[in-house]
Amino acid sequence: MGTTTFTGPVRAGDILNTSGTTLGTDVANVGYVVMAQSSVFTQASGDTSIVIPANSQVLSISANVTTEFTGAATTFGVGTTLSATFFTAAAALDGVAFGISAAAPGDDATRAANWVDVGTVDRKVAVTSTNTGSGVGVLTVTYIQAINLTA
């Protein structure tokens, strides 16, 4: 199967500009396409292969644990290579249970703003575990590329 790559951001809709007030005829309906990147991570790893483009809005981060984490502390957080707590608090996700865990910024204004707009540089996503072990999972980040919002 072939793949197609766009430099983006990708927008879709059939009415580009508003020139009136009639929905479906002359009111703009163009929106951004939702993107996703996934990467396998291990309990002992840091960096993932996920790079979120500058000025993107993160919609969701999920971790599908496929091999349970081992050791005394079995939690992890999702951040970037420059900030371990860029997207979640440290140890915000449980690595014990199989299946999908949803990440959230938690009660933190800075992290919440990072989800709305990752900033003016690309962000390489990293997973920080509370200890090393044999856990494995797949991290998926969905986002709107270069929407350039500020909260």
C-alpha atoms as a PDB file:
ATOM      1  CA  MET A   1       0.000   0.000   0.000  1.00  0.00           C
ATOM      2  CA  GLY A   2       1.319   3.431  -0.895  1.00  0.00           C
ATOM      3  CA  THR A   3       1.400   6.395   1.429  1.00  0.00           C
ATOM      4  CA  THR A   4       1.074  10.097   0.777  1.00  0.00           C
ATOM      5  CA  THR A   5       2.910  12.752   2.741  1.00  0.00           C
ATOM      6  CA  PHE A   6       1.829  16.390   2.962  1.00  0.00           C
ATOM      7  CA  THR A   7       3.951  19.139   4.465  1.00  0.00           C
ATOM      8  CA  GLY A   8       0.784  20.471   6.127  1.00  0.00           C
ATOM      9  CA  PRO A   9      -1.043  21.614   7.944  1.00  0.00           C
ATOM     10  CA  VAL A  10      -3.852  19.890   6.075  1.00  0.00           C
ATOM     11  CA  ARG A  11      -7.217  21.634   5.950  1.00  0.00           C
ATOM     12  CA  ALA A  12     -10.454  20.330   4.458  1.00  0.00           C
ATOM     13  CA  GLY A  13     -13.851  21.787   3.583  1.00  0.00           C
ATOM     14  CA  ASP A  14     -15.691  22.925   0.490  1.00  0.00           C
ATOM     15  CA  ILE A  15     -16.383  26.597   1.331  1.00  0.00           C
ATOM     16  CA  LEU A  16     -13.113  28.462   1.892  1.00  0.00           C
ATOM     17  CA  ASN A  17     -14.355  31.988   2.582  1.00  0.00           C
ATOM     18  CA  THR A  18     -17.425  33.510   4.179  1.00  0.00           C
ATOM     19  CA  SER A  19     -19.323  35.866   1.900  1.00  0.00           C
ATOM     20  CA  GLY A  20     -22.789  35.612   3.412  1.00  0.00           C
ATOM     21  CA  THR A  21     -24.850  34.022   6.160  1.00  0.00           C
ATOM     22  CA  THR A  22     -26.330  30.881   4.588  1.00  0.00           C
ATOM     23  CA  LEU A  23     -24.850  27.684   6.034  1.00  0.00           C
ATOM     24  CA  GLY A  24     -23.899  25.190   3.358  1.00  0.00           C
ATOM     25  CA  THR A  25     -23.742  27.889   0.713  1.00  0.00           C
ATOM     26  CA  ASP A  26     -21.585  30.882   1.628  1.00  0.00           C
ATOM     27  CA  VAL A  27     -20.300  30.439   5.221  1.00  0.00           C
ATOM     28  CA  ALA A  28     -16.772  29.040   5.491  1.00  0.00           C
ATOM     29  CA  ASN A  29     -16.617  25.426   6.757  1.00  0.00           C
ATOM     30  CA  VAL A  30     -12.913  24.619   6.465  1.00  0.00           C
ATOM     31  CA  GLY A  31     -11.276  22.790   9.374  1.00  0.00           C
ATOM     32  CA  TYR A  32      -7.971  21.174  10.219  1.00  0.00           C
ATOM     33  CA  VAL A  33      -7.295  17.456   9.779  1.00  0.00           C
ATOM     34  CA  VAL A  34      -6.470  15.547  12.978  1.00  0.00           C
ATOM     35  CA  MET A  35      -3.045  13.881  12.878  1.00  0.00           C
ATOM     36  CA  ALA A  36      -1.611  11.029  14.961  1.00  0.00           C
ATOM     37  CA  GLN A  37       1.796   9.558  15.658  1.00  0.00           C
ATOM     38  CA  SER A  38       2.569   6.355  17.575  1.00  0.00           C
ATOM     39  CA  SER A  39       5.766   4.896  18.980  1.00  0.00           C
ATOM     40  CA  VAL A  40       6.709   1.781  20.909  1.00  0.00           C
ATOM     41  CA  PHE A  41       8.319   2.611  24.252  1.00  0.00           C
ATOM     42  CA  THR A  42       9.908   0.555  26.978  1.00  0.00           C
ATOM     43  CA  GLN A  43       9.859   1.094  30.711  1.00  0.00           C
ATOM     44  CA  ALA A  44      13.550   1.952  30.591  1.00  0.00           C
ATOM     45  CA  SER A  45      13.342   4.240  27.536  1.00  0.00           C
ATOM     46  CA  GLY A  46      13.164   7.987  27.326  1.00  0.00           C
ATOM     47  CA  ASP A  47      12.806   9.349  23.816  1.00  0.00           C
ATOM     48  CA  THR A  48      10.122   8.145  21.432  1.00  0.00           C
ATOM     49  CA  SER A  49      10.030   8.636  17.666  1.00  0.00           C
ATOM     50  CA  ILE A  50       7.092  11.068  18.038  1.00  0.00           C
ATOM     51  CA  VAL A  51       7.796  14.692  17.101  1.00  0.00           C
ATOM     52  CA  ILE A  52       4.924  17.159  17.407  1.00  0.00           C
ATOM     53  CA  PRO A  53       5.231  20.104  14.969  1.00  0.00           C
ATOM     54  CA  ALA A  54       5.524  23.631  16.367  1.00  0.00           C
ATOM     55  CA  ASN A  55       2.283  25.452  17.205  1.00  0.00           C
ATOM     56  CA  SER A  56       0.232  22.234  17.221  1.00  0.00           C
ATOM     57  CA  GLN A  57      -2.652  21.514  19.582  1.00  0.00           C
ATOM     58  CA  VAL A  58      -2.532  18.150  21.372  1.00  0.00           C
ATOM     59  CA  LEU A  59      -5.956  16.493  21.530  1.00  0.00           C
ATOM     60  CA  SER A  60      -5.071  13.246  23.282  1.00  0.00           C
ATOM     61  CA  ILE A  61      -2.204  11.137  24.522  1.00  0.00           C
ATOM     62  CA  SER A  62      -2.777   7.463  25.214  1.00  0.00           C
ATOM     63  CA  ALA A  63      -0.551   4.608  26.252  1.00  0.00           C
ATOM     64  CA  ASN A  64      -1.420   1.020  25.449  1.00  0.00           C
ATOM     65  CA  VAL A  65       0.602  -1.144  27.839  1.00  0.00           C
ATOM     66  CA  THR A  66       1.367  -4.461  26.133  1.00  0.00           C
ATOM     67  CA  THR A  67       3.823  -5.859  28.710  1.00  0.00           C
ATOM     68  CA  GLU A  68       3.207  -4.899  32.321  1.00  0.00           C
ATOM     69  CA  PHE A  69       5.807  -2.724  34.006  1.00  0.00           C
ATOM     70  CA  THR A  70       7.950  -4.428  36.646  1.00  0.00           C
ATOM     71  CA  GLY A  71       9.619  -3.226  39.824  1.00  0.00           C
ATOM     72  CA  ALA A  72       8.513  -1.397  42.950  1.00  0.00           C
ATOM     73  CA  ALA A  73       7.225   1.763  41.240  1.00  0.00           C
ATOM     74  CA  THR A  74       5.285   1.101  38.064  1.00  0.00           C
ATOM     75  CA  THR A  75       4.185   4.531  36.870  1.00  0.00           C
ATOM     76  CA  PHE A  76       5.363   6.871  34.146  1.00  0.00           C
ATOM     77  CA  GLY A  77       4.826  10.353  32.770  1.00  0.00           C
ATOM     78  CA  VAL A  78       4.812  11.877  29.294  1.00  0.00           C
ATOM     79  CA  GLY A  79       6.916  14.896  28.491  1.00  0.00           C
ATOM     80  CA  THR A  80       9.523  16.003  26.007  1.00  0.00           C
ATOM     81  CA  THR A  81      13.240  15.494  25.713  1.00  0.00           C
ATOM     82  CA  LEU A  82      13.680  18.912  27.382  1.00  0.00           C
ATOM     83  CA  SER A  83      10.948  18.704  30.050  1.00  0.00           C
ATOM     84  CA  ALA A  84       9.828  15.426  31.634  1.00  0.00           C
ATOM     85  CA  THR A  85       6.571  17.036  32.807  1.00  0.00           C
ATOM     86  CA  PHE A  86       5.673  18.988  29.641  1.00  0.00           C
ATOM     87  CA  PHE A  87       2.425  17.040  29.012  1.00  0.00           C
ATOM     88  CA  THR A  88       1.681  15.168  32.282  1.00  0.00           C
ATOM     89  CA  ALA A  89       2.793  15.214  35.870  1.00  0.00           C
ATOM     90  CA  ALA A  90       5.576  12.781  36.756  1.00  0.00           C
ATOM     91  CA  ALA A  91       4.212   9.272  37.388  1.00  0.00           C
ATOM     92  CA  ALA A  92       0.748  10.257  36.087  1.00  0.00           C
ATOM     93  CA  LEU A  93       0.093   6.995  34.241  1.00  0.00           C
ATOM     94  CA  ASP A  94      -0.121   3.452  35.545  1.00  0.00           C
ATOM     95  CA  GLY A  95       2.133   0.929  33.837  1.00  0.00           C
ATOM     96  CA  VAL A  96       0.713  -2.126  35.625  1.00  0.00           C
ATOM     97  CA  ALA A  97      -2.548  -2.671  33.777  1.00  0.00           C
ATOM     98  CA  PHE A  98      -2.741  -3.996  30.245  1.00  0.00           C
ATOM     99  CA  GLY A  99      -4.716  -1.804  27.883  1.00  0.00           C
ATOM    100  CA  ILE A 100      -5.050   1.878  27.215  1.00  0.00           C
ATOM    101  CA  SER A 101      -4.471   4.667  29.719  1.00  0.00           C
ATOM    102  CA  ALA A 102      -5.413   8.218  28.775  1.00  0.00           C
ATOM    103  CA  ALA A 103      -3.040  11.011  29.742  1.00  0.00           C
ATOM    104  CA  ALA A 104      -4.149  14.459  30.888  1.00  0.00           C
ATOM    105  CA  PRO A 105      -2.368  17.664  31.848  1.00  0.00           C
ATOM    106  CA  GLY A 106      -3.854  17.503  35.335  1.00  0.00           C
ATOM    107  CA  ASP A 107      -4.553  20.534  37.477  1.00  0.00           C
ATOM    108  CA  ASP A 108      -1.679  22.594  36.090  1.00  0.00           C
ATOM    109  CA  ALA A 109      -2.092  25.746  33.982  1.00  0.00           C
ATOM    110  CA  THR A 110       1.307  25.447  32.300  1.00  0.00           C
ATOM    111  CA  ARG A 111       0.746  21.858  31.160  1.00  0.00           C
ATOM    112  CA  ALA A 112      -2.810  22.690  30.031  1.00  0.00           C
ATOM    113  CA  ALA A 113      -1.410  25.548  27.915  1.00  0.00           C
ATOM    114  CA  ASN A 114       1.182  23.145  26.442  1.00  0.00           C
ATOM    115  CA  TRP A 115      -1.686  20.972  25.175  1.00  0.00           C
ATOM    116  CA  VAL A 116      -3.427  23.995  23.588  1.00  0.00           C
ATOM    117  CA  ASP A 117      -0.219  25.050  21.773  1.00  0.00           C
ATOM    118  CA  VAL A 118       3.087  23.181  22.080  1.00  0.00           C
ATOM    119  CA  GLY A 119       5.015  26.385  21.384  1.00  0.00           C
ATOM    120  CA  THR A 120       7.129  27.762  18.576  1.00  0.00           C
ATOM    121  CA  VAL A 121       9.470  24.760  18.234  1.00  0.00           C
ATOM    122  CA  ASP A 122       8.925  21.094  17.396  1.00  0.00           C
ATOM    123  CA  ARG A 123       8.587  18.871  20.502  1.00  0.00           C
ATOM    124  CA  LYS A 124      10.126  15.377  20.670  1.00  0.00           C
ATOM    125  CA  VAL A 125       7.990  13.291  23.028  1.00  0.00           C
ATOM    126  CA  ALA A 126       9.609  11.265  25.806  1.00  0.00           C
ATOM    127  CA  VAL A 127       8.349   8.796  28.416  1.00  0.00           C
ATOM    128  CA  THR A 128       9.838   8.922  31.906  1.00  0.00           C
ATOM    129  CA  SER A 129       9.354   5.851  34.082  1.00  0.00           C
ATOM    130  CA  THR A 130       9.732   5.791  37.854  1.00  0.00           C
ATOM    131  CA  ASN A 131      12.188   2.899  37.463  1.00  0.00           C
ATOM    132  CA  THR A 132      13.716   0.597  34.888  1.00  0.00           C
ATOM    133  CA  GLY A 133      12.092  -2.728  34.134  1.00  0.00           C
ATOM    134  CA  SER A 134      10.643  -4.881  31.391  1.00  0.00           C
ATOM    135  CA  GLY A 135       7.441  -2.960  30.626  1.00  0.00           C
ATOM    136  CA  VAL A 136       6.511  -2.187  27.016  1.00  0.00           C
ATOM    137  CA  GLY A 137       3.766  -0.115  25.440  1.00  0.00           C
ATOM    138  CA  VAL A 138       2.669   1.953  22.485  1.00  0.00           C
ATOM    139  CA  LEU A 139       2.268   5.702  22.964  1.00  0.00           C
ATOM    140  CA  THR A 140      -0.102   7.560  20.615  1.00  0.00           C
ATOM    141  CA  VAL A 141      -0.436  11.341  20.376  1.00  0.00           C
ATOM    142  CA  THR A 142      -3.254  12.918  18.346  1.00  0.00           C
ATOM    143  CA  TYR A 143      -2.961  16.569  17.453  1.00  0.00           C
ATOM    144  CA  ILE A 144      -3.948  19.342  15.065  1.00  0.00           C
ATOM    145  CA  GLN A 145      -0.856  20.397  13.159  1.00  0.00           C
ATOM    146  CA  ALA A 146       0.214  24.042  13.342  1.00  0.00           C
ATOM    147  CA  ILE A 147      -3.196  25.397  14.369  1.00  0.00           C
ATOM    148  CA  ASN A 148      -1.301  28.142  16.254  1.00  0.00           C
ATOM    149  CA  LEU A 149      -3.671  28.793  19.157  1.00  0.00           C
ATOM    150  CA  THR A 150      -2.898  30.493  22.421  1.00  0.00           C
ATOM    151  CA  ALA A 151      -4.959  30.130  25.569  1.00  0.00           C
END
